[in-house]
PDB file of N, CA and C in Angstrom:
ATOM      1  N   MET A   1      19.757 -24.772 -27.235  1.00  0.00           N
ATOM      2  CA  MET A   1      18.633 -25.263 -26.917  1.00  0.00           C
ATOM      3  C   MET A   1      18.407 -26.959 -27.510  1.00  0.00           C
ATOM      4  N   SER A   2      18.092 -27.947 -26.795  1.00  0.00           N
ATOM      5  CA  SER A   2      17.964 -29.067 -27.523  1.00  0.00           C
ATOM      6  C   SER A   2      16.457 -29.139 -27.425  1.00  0.00           C
ATOM      7  N   THR A   3      16.176 -30.197 -28.727  1.00  0.00           N
ATOM      8  CA  THR A   3      14.858 -30.452 -29.064  1.00  0.00           C
ATOM      9  C   THR A   3      14.143 -30.725 -27.875  1.00  0.00           C
ATOM     10  N   HIS A   4      14.189 -31.003 -26.963  1.00  0.00           N
ATOM     11  CA  HIS A   4      13.183 -31.073 -25.936  1.00  0.00           C
ATOM     12  C   HIS A   4      12.791 -30.056 -25.439  1.00  0.00           C
ATOM     13  N   ASP A   5      14.142 -29.512 -25.420  1.00  0.00           N
ATOM     14  CA  ASP A   5      13.811 -28.057 -24.710  1.00  0.00           C
ATOM     15  C   ASP A   5      12.710 -27.376 -25.708  1.00  0.00           C
ATOM     16  N   HIS A   6      13.063 -27.823 -26.731  1.00  0.00           N
ATOM     17  CA  HIS A   6      12.469 -26.547 -28.074  1.00  0.00           C
ATOM     18  C   HIS A   6      10.752 -26.595 -28.009  1.00  0.00           C
ATOM     19  N   GLU A   7      10.074 -28.315 -27.830  1.00  0.00           N
ATOM     20  CA  GLU A   7       8.935 -29.066 -27.838  1.00  0.00           C
ATOM     21  C   GLU A   7       8.512 -28.899 -26.302  1.00  0.00           C
ATOM     22  N   HIS A   8       9.211 -28.483 -25.288  1.00  0.00           N
ATOM     23  CA  HIS A   8       8.427 -28.189 -23.685  1.00  0.00           C
ATOM     24  C   HIS A   8       8.170 -26.649 -23.878  1.00  0.00           C
ATOM     25  N   ASP A   9       8.959 -25.591 -24.843  1.00  0.00           N
ATOM     26  CA  ASP A   9       8.646 -24.379 -24.440  1.00  0.00           C
ATOM     27  C   ASP A   9       7.140 -24.020 -25.370  1.00  0.00           C
ATOM     28  N   HIS A  10       7.101 -24.960 -26.709  1.00  0.00           N
ATOM     29  CA  HIS A  10       6.221 -24.885 -27.535  1.00  0.00           C
ATOM     30  C   HIS A  10       4.828 -24.858 -26.366  1.00  0.00           C
ATOM     31  N   ALA A  11       4.921 -26.456 -25.623  1.00  0.00           N
ATOM     32  CA  ALA A  11       3.600 -26.880 -24.858  1.00  0.00           C
ATOM     33  C   ALA A  11       3.213 -25.755 -24.239  1.00  0.00           C
ATOM     34  N   ASP A  12       4.541 -24.865 -23.458  1.00  0.00           N
ATOM     35  CA  ASP A  12       4.075 -24.075 -22.046  1.00  0.00           C
ATOM     36  C   ASP A  12       3.367 -22.917 -23.298  1.00  0.00           C
ATOM     37  N   ARG A  13       4.075 -22.530 -23.835  1.00  0.00           N
ATOM     38  CA  ARG A  13       3.181 -21.349 -25.016  1.00  0.00           C
ATOM     39  C   ARG A  13       1.406 -22.021 -25.138  1.00  0.00           C
ATOM     40  N   ASP A  14       1.594 -23.016 -25.527  1.00  0.00           N
ATOM     41  CA  ASP A  14       0.306 -23.532 -25.961  1.00  0.00           C
ATOM     42  C   ASP A  14      -0.655 -23.519 -24.851  1.00  0.00           C
ATOM     43  N   ASP A  15       0.330 -24.029 -23.478  1.00  0.00           N
ATOM     44  CA  ASP A  15      -0.559 -24.038 -22.384  1.00  0.00           C
ATOM     45  C   ASP A  15      -1.023 -22.270 -21.972  1.00  0.00           C
ATOM     46  N   ALA A  16       0.174 -21.552 -22.031  1.00  0.00           N
ATOM     47  CA  ALA A  16      -0.123 -20.288 -21.675  1.00  0.00           C
ATOM     48  C   ALA A  16      -1.442 -19.495 -22.482  1.00  0.00           C
ATOM     49  N   ASP A  17      -1.560 -20.106 -23.748  1.00  0.00           N
ATOM     50  CA  ASP A  17      -2.279 -19.592 -24.707  1.00  0.00           C
ATOM     51  C   ASP A  17      -3.659 -19.972 -24.450  1.00  0.00           C
ATOM     52  N   LEU A  18      -3.598 -21.131 -24.132  1.00  0.00           N
ATOM     53  CA  LEU A  18      -5.214 -21.940 -23.978  1.00  0.00           C
ATOM     54  C   LEU A  18      -5.430 -21.375 -22.572  1.00  0.00           C
ATOM     55  N   ALA A  19      -4.594 -20.980 -21.460  1.00  0.00           N
ATOM     56  CA  ALA A  19      -5.439 -20.625 -20.224  1.00  0.00           C
ATOM     57  C   ALA A  19      -5.687 -18.899 -20.115  1.00  0.00           C
ATOM     58  N   ARG A  20      -5.385 -18.511 -21.223  1.00  0.00           N
ATOM     59  CA  ARG A  20      -5.611 -16.962 -21.984  1.00  0.00           C
ATOM     60  C   ARG A  20      -7.194 -17.046 -22.581  1.00  0.00           C
ATOM     61  N   LYS A  21      -7.241 -17.602 -23.498  1.00  0.00           N
ATOM     62  CA  LYS A  21      -8.452 -18.108 -23.632  1.00  0.00           C
ATOM     63  C   LYS A  21      -9.139 -18.504 -22.735  1.00  0.00           C
ATOM     64  N   ALA A  22      -9.005 -19.182 -22.417  1.00  0.00           N
ATOM     65  CA  ALA A  22     -10.410 -19.885 -21.178  1.00  0.00           C
ATOM     66  C   ALA A  22     -10.421 -18.893 -20.035  1.00  0.00           C
ATOM     67  N   GLY A  23      -9.068 -17.945 -19.627  1.00  0.00           N
ATOM     68  CA  GLY A  23      -9.686 -16.487 -19.117  1.00  0.00           C
ATOM     69  C   GLY A  23     -10.429 -15.778 -19.448  1.00  0.00           C
ATOM     70  N   HIS A  24      -9.917 -15.633 -20.976  1.00  0.00           N
ATOM     71  CA  HIS A  24     -11.536 -14.606 -21.696  1.00  0.00           C
ATOM     72  C   HIS A  24     -12.719 -15.355 -21.437  1.00  0.00           C
ATOM     73  N   ILE A  25     -12.881 -16.370 -21.390  1.00  0.00           N
ATOM     74  CA  ILE A  25     -14.128 -17.126 -21.829  1.00  0.00           C
ATOM     75  C   ILE A  25     -14.595 -17.075 -20.542  1.00  0.00           C
ATOM     76  N   ILE A  26     -14.351 -16.810 -19.320  1.00  0.00           N
ATOM     77  CA  ILE A  26     -14.959 -16.713 -17.989  1.00  0.00           C
ATOM     78  C   ILE A  26     -15.260 -15.841 -17.615  1.00  0.00           C
ATOM     79  N   LEU A  27     -14.420 -14.817 -18.028  1.00  0.00           N
ATOM     80  CA  LEU A  27     -14.961 -13.232 -18.210  1.00  0.00           C
ATOM     81  C   LEU A  27     -15.945 -12.984 -18.960  1.00  0.00           C
ATOM     82  N   ASP A  28     -15.894 -13.932 -20.104  1.00  0.00           N
ATOM     83  CA  ASP A  28     -17.566 -13.539 -21.050  1.00  0.00           C
ATOM     84  C   ASP A  28     -18.645 -14.553 -20.264  1.00  0.00           C
ATOM     85  N   GLY A  29     -18.288 -15.029 -19.505  1.00  0.00           N
ATOM     86  CA  GLY A  29     -19.467 -15.974 -18.546  1.00  0.00           C
ATOM     87  C   GLY A  29     -20.020 -15.023 -17.611  1.00  0.00           C
ATOM     88  N   ILE A  30     -19.138 -13.797 -17.278  1.00  0.00           N
ATOM     89  CA  ILE A  30     -19.635 -12.523 -16.353  1.00  0.00           C
ATOM     90  C   ILE A  30     -20.620 -11.826 -16.692  1.00  0.00           C
ATOM     91  N   THR A  31     -20.010 -11.946 -18.082  1.00  0.00           N
ATOM     92  CA  THR A  31     -21.021 -10.587 -19.075  1.00  0.00           C
ATOM     93  C   THR A  31     -21.873 -11.629 -19.120  1.00  0.00           C
ATOM     94  N   ALA A  32     -22.000 -12.670 -19.706  1.00  0.00           N
ATOM     95  CA  ALA A  32     -23.499 -13.848 -20.128  1.00  0.00           C
ATOM     96  C   ALA A  32     -24.281 -13.989 -19.205  1.00  0.00           C
ATOM     97  N   ALA A  33     -23.816 -13.474 -17.574  1.00  0.00           N
ATOM     98  CA  ALA A  33     -24.738 -14.166 -16.464  1.00  0.00           C
ATOM     99  C   ALA A  33     -26.022 -12.836 -16.728  1.00  0.00           C
ATOM    100  N   ASP A  34     -25.379 -11.317 -16.815  1.00  0.00           N
ATOM    101  CA  ASP A  34     -25.996 -10.155 -16.664  1.00  0.00           C
ATOM    102  C   ASP A  34     -27.044 -10.468 -18.111  1.00  0.00           C
ATOM    103  N   VAL A  35     -27.023 -11.095 -18.215  1.00  0.00           N
ATOM    104  CA  VAL A  35     -27.675 -10.926 -19.778  1.00  0.00           C
ATOM    105  C   VAL A  35     -29.363 -11.696 -19.575  1.00  0.00           C
ATOM    106  N   GLU A  36     -30.212 -11.157 -20.412  1.00  0.00           N
ATOM    107  CA  GLU A  36     -31.908 -11.692 -20.352  1.00  0.00           C
ATOM    108  C   GLU A  36     -31.584 -13.025 -20.861  1.00  0.00           C
ATOM    109  N   ASN A  37     -30.965 -13.447 -22.175  1.00  0.00           N
ATOM    110  CA  ASN A  37     -30.990 -14.832 -22.783  1.00  0.00           C
ATOM    111  C   ASN A  37     -30.296 -15.646 -22.099  1.00  0.00           C
ATOM    112  N   GLU A  38     -31.180 -16.670 -21.637  1.00  0.00           N
ATOM    113  CA  GLU A  38     -31.053 -18.084 -20.732  1.00  0.00           C
ATOM    114  C   GLU A  38     -29.480 -19.030 -21.437  1.00  0.00           C
ATOM    115  N   ASP A  39     -29.387 -18.872 -23.192  1.00  0.00           N
ATOM    116  CA  ASP A  39     -28.670 -19.306 -23.824  1.00  0.00           C
ATOM    117  C   ASP A  39     -27.269 -18.646 -23.434  1.00  0.00           C
ATOM    118  N   ALA A  40     -27.052 -17.541 -23.114  1.00  0.00           N
ATOM    119  CA  ALA A  40     -25.529 -17.159 -23.129  1.00  0.00           C
ATOM    120  C   ALA A  40     -24.626 -17.862 -22.128  1.00  0.00           C
ATOM    121  N   MET A  41     -25.106 -18.048 -21.147  1.00  0.00           N
ATOM    122  CA  MET A  41     -24.118 -18.627 -20.258  1.00  0.00           C
ATOM    123  C   MET A  41     -23.573 -20.022 -20.721  1.00  0.00           C
ATOM    124  N   GLU A  42     -24.635 -20.479 -21.678  1.00  0.00           N
ATOM    125  CA  GLU A  42     -24.283 -22.137 -22.309  1.00  0.00           C
ATOM    126  C   GLU A  42     -23.313 -21.888 -23.530  1.00  0.00           C
ATOM    127  N   ILE A  43     -24.003 -20.878 -23.871  1.00  0.00           N
ATOM    128  CA  ILE A  43     -22.725 -20.188 -25.415  1.00  0.00           C
ATOM    129  C   ILE A  43     -21.475 -20.377 -24.925  1.00  0.00           C
ATOM    130  N   ALA A  44     -21.468 -18.886 -24.030  1.00  0.00           N
ATOM    131  CA  ALA A  44     -19.968 -18.581 -23.369  1.00  0.00           C
ATOM    132  C   ALA A  44     -19.211 -19.647 -22.613  1.00  0.00           C
ATOM    133  N   PHE A  45     -19.945 -20.791 -21.798  1.00  0.00           N
ATOM    134  CA  PHE A  45     -18.994 -21.635 -21.490  1.00  0.00           C
ATOM    135  C   PHE A  45     -18.849 -23.014 -22.142  1.00  0.00           C
ATOM    136  N   GLY A  46     -20.206 -22.924 -23.182  1.00  0.00           N
ATOM    137  CA  GLY A  46     -19.572 -24.005 -24.332  1.00  0.00           C
ATOM    138  C   GLY A  46     -18.155 -23.651 -24.946  1.00  0.00           C
ATOM    139  N   ARG A  47     -17.815 -23.053 -25.233  1.00  0.00           N
ATOM    140  CA  ARG A  47     -16.609 -22.400 -25.874  1.00  0.00           C
ATOM    141  C   ARG A  47     -15.416 -23.353 -25.337  1.00  0.00           C
ATOM    142  N   LEU A  48     -15.895 -23.486 -24.113  1.00  0.00           N
ATOM    143  CA  LEU A  48     -14.628 -24.215 -23.369  1.00  0.00           C
ATOM    144  C   LEU A  48     -14.243 -25.625 -23.736  1.00  0.00           C
ATOM    145  N   LEU A  49     -15.090 -26.483 -24.393  1.00  0.00           N
ATOM    146  CA  LEU A  49     -14.939 -27.165 -25.010  1.00  0.00           C
ATOM    147  C   LEU A  49     -14.475 -26.978 -25.792  1.00  0.00           C
ATOM    148  N   GLU A  50     -14.769 -25.978 -26.757  1.00  0.00           N
ATOM    149  CA  GLU A  50     -14.309 -26.299 -28.467  1.00  0.00           C
ATOM    150  C   GLU A  50     -12.995 -25.760 -28.517  1.00  0.00           C
ATOM    151  N   ILE A  51     -12.049 -24.849 -27.296  1.00  0.00           N
ATOM    152  CA  ILE A  51     -11.003 -24.892 -27.142  1.00  0.00           C
ATOM    153  C   ILE A  51     -10.231 -26.003 -26.389  1.00  0.00           C
ATOM    154  N   GLU A  52     -10.594 -26.691 -25.939  1.00  0.00           N
ATOM    155  CA  GLU A  52     -10.334 -28.185 -24.944  1.00  0.00           C
ATOM    156  C   GLU A  52      -9.937 -27.587 -23.915  1.00  0.00           C
ATOM    157  N   ALA A  53     -10.153 -26.776 -22.976  1.00  0.00           N
ATOM    158  CA  ALA A  53     -10.041 -26.329 -21.994  1.00  0.00           C
ATOM    159  C   ALA A  53     -10.716 -26.913 -20.664  1.00  0.00           C
ATOM    160  N   ILE A  54     -12.019 -28.109 -21.582  1.00  0.00           N
ATOM    161  CA  ILE A  54     -12.559 -29.417 -20.834  1.00  0.00           C
ATOM    162  C   ILE A  54     -12.441 -30.511 -21.636  1.00  0.00           C
ATOM    163  N   GLU A  55     -11.762 -31.020 -21.116  1.00  0.00           N
ATOM    164  CA  GLU A  55     -11.815 -32.603 -22.384  1.00  0.00           C
ATOM    165  C   GLU A  55     -12.415 -33.595 -21.602  1.00  0.00           C
ATOM    166  N   VAL A  56     -13.227 -34.326 -22.305  1.00  0.00           N
ATOM    167  CA  VAL A  56     -14.133 -35.416 -21.724  1.00  0.00           C
ATOM    168  C   VAL A  56     -13.628 -36.968 -22.354  1.00  0.00           C
ATOM    169  N   THR A  57     -13.051 -37.404 -21.727  1.00  0.00           N
ATOM    170  CA  THR A  57     -12.509 -38.842 -22.503  1.00  0.00           C
ATOM    171  C   THR A  57     -12.608 -39.993 -21.774  1.00  0.00           C
ATOM    172  N   MET A  58     -13.383 -41.457 -22.484  1.00  0.00           N
ATOM    173  CA  MET A  58     -13.739 -42.102 -22.122  1.00  0.00           C
ATOM    174  C   MET A  58     -12.646 -43.007 -22.135  1.00  0.00           C
ATOM    175  N   ASP A  59     -12.449 -43.876 -20.678  1.00  0.00           N
ATOM    176  CA  ASP A  59     -11.416 -44.691 -20.578  1.00  0.00           C
ATOM    177  C   ASP A  59     -11.735 -46.369 -20.462  1.00  0.00           C
ATOM    178  N   GLU A  60     -11.598 -46.940 -22.200  1.00  0.00           N
ATOM    179  CA  GLU A  60     -12.125 -47.983 -21.692  1.00  0.00           C
ATOM    180  C   GLU A  60     -11.774 -49.091 -21.543  1.00  0.00           C
ATOM    181  N   ASP A  61     -10.749 -49.054 -20.658  1.00  0.00           N
ATOM    182  CA  ASP A  61     -10.478 -50.468 -20.169  1.00  0.00           C
ATOM    183  C   ASP A  61     -11.674 -50.079 -18.431  1.00  0.00           C
ATOM    184  N   GLU A  62     -11.536 -49.313 -18.450  1.00  0.00           N
ATOM    185  CA  GLU A  62     -12.416 -48.511 -17.102  1.00  0.00           C
ATOM    186  C   GLU A  62     -14.067 -48.670 -17.178  1.00  0.00           C
ATOM    187  N   GLY A  63     -14.368 -48.450 -18.201  1.00  0.00           N
ATOM    188  CA  GLY A  63     -15.503 -47.697 -18.312  1.00  0.00           C
ATOM    189  C   GLY A  63     -15.952 -47.012 -18.049  1.00  0.00           C
ATOM    190  N   GLU A  64     -15.014 -45.883 -17.666  1.00  0.00           N
ATOM    191  CA  GLU A  64     -15.755 -44.581 -16.837  1.00  0.00           C
ATOM    192  C   GLU A  64     -15.524 -43.413 -17.604  1.00  0.00           C
ATOM    193  N   LEU A  65     -15.744 -42.361 -17.122  1.00  0.00           N
ATOM    194  CA  LEU A  65     -15.695 -41.156 -17.644  1.00  0.00           C
ATOM    195  C   LEU A  65     -14.380 -40.424 -17.113  1.00  0.00           C
ATOM    196  N   GLU A  66     -13.572 -39.746 -18.093  1.00  0.00           N
ATOM    197  CA  GLU A  66     -12.548 -38.922 -17.112  1.00  0.00           C
ATOM    198  C   GLU A  66     -12.822 -37.341 -17.714  1.00  0.00           C
ATOM    199  N   LEU A  67     -12.467 -36.621 -16.904  1.00  0.00           N
ATOM    200  CA  LEU A  67     -12.876 -35.679 -16.939  1.00  0.00           C
ATOM    201  C   LEU A  67     -11.519 -34.472 -16.501  1.00  0.00           C
ATOM    202  N   ASP A  68     -10.749 -33.875 -17.904  1.00  0.00           N
ATOM    203  CA  ASP A  68      -9.683 -33.084 -17.176  1.00  0.00           C
ATOM    204  C   ASP A  68      -9.873 -31.703 -17.298  1.00  0.00           C
ATOM    205  N   ILE A  69      -9.888 -30.504 -16.368  1.00  0.00           N
ATOM    206  CA  ILE A  69      -9.729 -29.713 -16.051  1.00  0.00           C
ATOM    207  C   ILE A  69      -8.755 -28.711 -16.346  1.00  0.00           C
ATOM    208  N   SER A  70      -8.241 -29.003 -15.998  1.00  0.00           N
ATOM    209  CA  SER A  70      -6.740 -28.264 -15.673  1.00  0.00           C
ATOM    210  C   SER A  70      -6.421 -27.218 -16.623  1.00  0.00           C
ATOM    211  N   PRO A  71      -6.518 -27.049 -17.801  1.00  0.00           N
ATOM    212  CA  PRO A  71      -6.632 -26.019 -18.845  1.00  0.00           C
ATOM    213  C   PRO A  71      -7.372 -25.015 -18.288  1.00  0.00           C
ATOM    214  N   LEU A  72      -9.119 -25.567 -17.827  1.00  0.00           N
ATOM    215  CA  LEU A  72      -9.828 -24.415 -17.239  1.00  0.00           C
ATOM    216  C   LEU A  72      -9.278 -23.725 -15.854  1.00  0.00           C
ATOM    217  N   MET A  73      -8.759 -24.757 -15.345  1.00  0.00           N
ATOM    218  CA  MET A  73      -8.316 -24.143 -13.883  1.00  0.00           C
ATOM    219  C   MET A  73      -7.190 -23.097 -13.872  1.00  0.00           C
ATOM    220  N   ASN A  74      -6.107 -23.428 -14.877  1.00  0.00           N
ATOM    221  CA  ASN A  74      -4.928 -22.426 -15.298  1.00  0.00           C
ATOM    222  C   ASN A  74      -5.771 -20.677 -15.708  1.00  0.00           C
ATOM    223  N   GLY A  75      -6.803 -20.795 -16.705  1.00  0.00           N
ATOM    224  CA  GLY A  75      -7.575 -19.866 -17.227  1.00  0.00           C
ATOM    225  C   GLY A  75      -8.345 -19.074 -15.734  1.00  0.00           C
ATOM    226  N   VAL A  76      -8.951 -20.215 -14.538  1.00  0.00           N
ATOM    227  CA  VAL A  76      -9.090 -19.300 -13.556  1.00  0.00           C
ATOM    228  C   VAL A  76      -8.473 -18.777 -12.936  1.00  0.00           C
ATOM    229  N   LEU A  77      -7.309 -19.294 -12.655  1.00  0.00           N
ATOM    230  CA  LEU A  77      -6.074 -18.695 -11.729  1.00  0.00           C
ATOM    231  C   LEU A  77      -5.795 -17.717 -12.393  1.00  0.00           C
ATOM    232  N   LEU A  78      -5.405 -17.473 -14.085  1.00  0.00           N
ATOM    233  CA  LEU A  78      -5.023 -16.293 -14.422  1.00  0.00           C
ATOM    234  C   LEU A  78      -6.183 -15.127 -14.160  1.00  0.00           C
ATOM    235  N   VAL A  79      -7.621 -15.181 -13.841  1.00  0.00           N
ATOM    236  CA  VAL A  79      -8.755 -14.143 -13.966  1.00  0.00           C
ATOM    237  C   VAL A  79      -8.462 -13.854 -12.285  1.00  0.00           C
ATOM    238  N   VAL A  80      -8.414 -14.834 -11.673  1.00  0.00           N
ATOM    239  CA  VAL A  80      -8.253 -14.470 -10.269  1.00  0.00           C
ATOM    240  C   VAL A  80      -7.338 -14.170  -9.764  1.00  0.00           C
ATOM    241  N   GLY A  81      -6.291 -14.470 -10.157  1.00  0.00           N
ATOM    242  CA  GLY A  81      -4.368 -13.858  -9.901  1.00  0.00           C
ATOM    243  C   GLY A  81      -4.552 -12.111 -10.361  1.00  0.00           C
ATOM    244  N   GLN A  82      -5.301 -11.992 -11.509  1.00  0.00           N
ATOM    245  CA  GLN A  82      -5.183 -10.742 -11.943  1.00  0.00           C
ATOM    246  C   GLN A  82      -6.319  -9.740 -10.837  1.00  0.00           C
ATOM    247  N   LEU A  83      -7.019 -10.027 -10.905  1.00  0.00           N
ATOM    248  CA  LEU A  83      -8.340  -9.158 -10.365  1.00  0.00           C
ATOM    249  C   LEU A  83      -7.562  -8.781  -8.935  1.00  0.00           C
ATOM    250  N   VAL A  84      -7.142  -9.893  -8.176  1.00  0.00           N
ATOM    251  CA  VAL A  84      -6.490 -10.193  -6.733  1.00  0.00           C
ATOM    252  C   VAL A  84      -5.246  -8.921  -6.470  1.00  0.00           C
ATOM    253  N   SER A  85      -4.721  -9.338  -7.807  1.00  0.00           N
ATOM    254  CA  SER A  85      -3.460  -8.062  -8.102  1.00  0.00           C
ATOM    255  C   SER A  85      -4.023  -6.701  -8.145  1.00  0.00           C
ATOM    256  N   GLU A  86      -5.457  -6.670  -8.466  1.00  0.00           N
ATOM    257  CA  GLU A  86      -5.584  -5.147  -9.197  1.00  0.00           C
ATOM    258  C   GLU A  86      -6.178  -4.656  -7.966  1.00  0.00           C
ATOM    259  N   LEU A  87      -6.640  -5.711  -7.050  1.00  0.00           N
ATOM    260  CA  LEU A  87      -6.984  -4.871  -5.903  1.00  0.00           C
ATOM    261  C   LEU A  87      -6.382  -4.614  -4.975  1.00  0.00           C
ATOM    262  N   ALA A  88      -4.848  -5.237  -5.075  1.00  0.00           N
ATOM    263  CA  ALA A  88      -3.974  -5.134  -3.544  1.00  0.00           C
ATOM    264  C   ALA A  88      -3.306  -3.597  -4.517  1.00  0.00           C
ATOM    265  N   GLN A  89      -2.743  -3.395  -5.864  1.00  0.00           N
ATOM    266  CA  GLN A  89      -2.537  -2.495  -6.091  1.00  0.00           C
ATOM    267  C   GLN A  89      -3.589  -0.980  -5.730  1.00  0.00           C
ATOM    268  N   ARG A  90      -4.602  -1.286  -5.729  1.00  0.00           N
ATOM    269  CA  ARG A  90      -5.873  -0.165  -5.629  1.00  0.00           C
ATOM    270  C   ARG A  90      -5.836  -0.046  -4.527  1.00  0.00           C
ATOM    271  N   ASP A  91      -6.128  -0.715  -3.368  1.00  0.00           N
ATOM    272  CA  ASP A  91      -6.037  -0.280  -1.802  1.00  0.00           C
ATOM    273  C   ASP A  91      -4.841  -0.541  -1.441  1.00  0.00           C
ATOM    274  N   GLY A  92      -3.536  -0.443  -1.992  1.00  0.00           N
ATOM    275  CA  GLY A  92      -2.657  -0.216  -1.459  1.00  0.00           C
ATOM    276  C   GLY A  92      -1.894  -1.036  -0.042  1.00  0.00           C
ATOM    277  N   THR A  93      -2.201  -2.280  -0.825  1.00  0.00           N
ATOM    278  CA  THR A  93      -2.458  -3.680   0.924  1.00  0.00           C
ATOM    279  C   THR A  93      -1.733  -4.457  -0.298  1.00  0.00           C
ATOM    280  N   SER A  94      -1.341  -5.728   0.815  1.00  0.00           N
ATOM    281  CA  SER A  94      -0.613  -6.820   0.504  1.00  0.00           C
ATOM    282  C   SER A  94      -1.887  -8.120  -0.534  1.00  0.00           C
ATOM    283  N   THR A  95      -1.292  -8.856  -1.392  1.00  0.00           N
ATOM    284  CA  THR A  95      -2.065 -10.106  -2.014  1.00  0.00           C
ATOM    285  C   THR A  95      -2.962 -10.877  -0.452  1.00  0.00           C
ATOM    286  N   GLU A  96      -1.428 -11.334   0.842  1.00  0.00           N
ATOM    287  CA  GLU A  96      -2.352 -11.762   1.489  1.00  0.00           C
ATOM    288  C   GLU A  96      -3.430 -11.016   1.917  1.00  0.00           C
ATOM    289  N   ASP A  97      -3.134  -9.775   2.116  1.00  0.00           N
ATOM    290  CA  ASP A  97      -4.340  -9.372   2.427  1.00  0.00           C
ATOM    291  C   ASP A  97      -5.733  -9.142   1.984  1.00  0.00           C
ATOM    292  N   VAL A  98      -5.618  -9.049   0.492  1.00  0.00           N
ATOM    293  CA  VAL A  98      -6.560  -8.978  -0.158  1.00  0.00           C
ATOM    294  C   VAL A  98      -7.256 -10.639  -0.043  1.00  0.00           C
ATOM    295  N   LEU A  99      -6.852 -11.166  -0.001  1.00  0.00           N
ATOM    296  CA  LEU A  99      -7.334 -13.321   0.096  1.00  0.00           C
ATOM    297  C   LEU A  99      -8.075 -13.230   0.957  1.00  0.00           C
ATOM    298  N   ALA A 100      -6.953 -12.731   2.260  1.00  0.00           N
ATOM    299  CA  ALA A 100      -7.766 -12.782   3.536  1.00  0.00           C
ATOM    300  C   ALA A 100      -8.809 -12.267   3.687  1.00  0.00           C
ATOM    301  N   GLN A 101      -9.578 -11.109   3.257  1.00  0.00           N
ATOM    302  CA  GLN A 101     -10.561 -10.587   3.256  1.00  0.00           C
ATOM    303  C   GLN A 101     -11.593 -11.274   2.356  1.00  0.00           C
ATOM    304  N   ILE A 102     -11.478 -11.627   1.102  1.00  0.00           N
ATOM    305  CA  ILE A 102     -12.040 -12.468   0.383  1.00  0.00           C
ATOM    306  C   ILE A 102     -12.495 -13.647   1.012  1.00  0.00           C
ATOM    307  N   ARG A 103     -11.566 -14.510   2.007  1.00  0.00           N
ATOM    308  CA  ARG A 103     -11.917 -15.015   2.658  1.00  0.00           C
ATOM    309  C   ARG A 103     -13.019 -15.313   3.466  1.00  0.00           C
ATOM    310  N   THR A 104     -12.737 -13.956   4.305  1.00  0.00           N
ATOM    311  CA  THR A 104     -13.826 -13.838   5.250  1.00  0.00           C
ATOM    312  C   THR A 104     -15.140 -13.555   4.390  1.00  0.00           C
ATOM    313  N   ARG A 105     -15.328 -12.708   3.790  1.00  0.00           N
ATOM    314  CA  ARG A 105     -16.365 -12.695   2.785  1.00  0.00           C
ATOM    315  C   ARG A 105     -17.224 -13.962   2.694  1.00  0.00           C
ATOM    316  N   ILE A 106     -16.459 -14.553   1.872  1.00  0.00           N
ATOM    317  CA  ILE A 106     -16.783 -16.397   1.330  1.00  0.00           C
ATOM    318  C   ILE A 106     -17.423 -16.900   2.528  1.00  0.00           C
ATOM    319  N   ASP A 107     -17.154 -17.154   3.966  1.00  0.00           N
ATOM    320  CA  ASP A 107     -17.071 -17.527   5.102  1.00  0.00           C
ATOM    321  C   ASP A 107     -18.718 -16.983   5.643  1.00  0.00           C
ATOM    322  N   GLY A 108     -18.995 -15.585   5.058  1.00  0.00           N
ATOM    323  CA  GLY A 108     -20.110 -15.170   5.247  1.00  0.00           C
ATOM    324  C   GLY A 108     -19.934 -14.093   6.590  1.00  0.00           C
TER     325      GLY A 108
END
């Protein structure tokens, strides 16, 4: 394995770990939504900044804020993918069927 491949492997593991942590925070947000404390949701999702699943930077040249939410989106995909798989397995159907049902429900 070359040095480049080795470094890339670490980045992949870091990305997977960050997605896993973001996924847990998303689930914490679901729990926080059921709590009577208004700060619970803010506290739960505030952790996304702490783990750097959301990164806000200032582009000095353009004078604009830049927002990177790709680690957060990886966490969302991890959670949603797991839930879709669970539903498909539970119902004895395909992932595509579950997604079609969800799309229908979203559209009302």
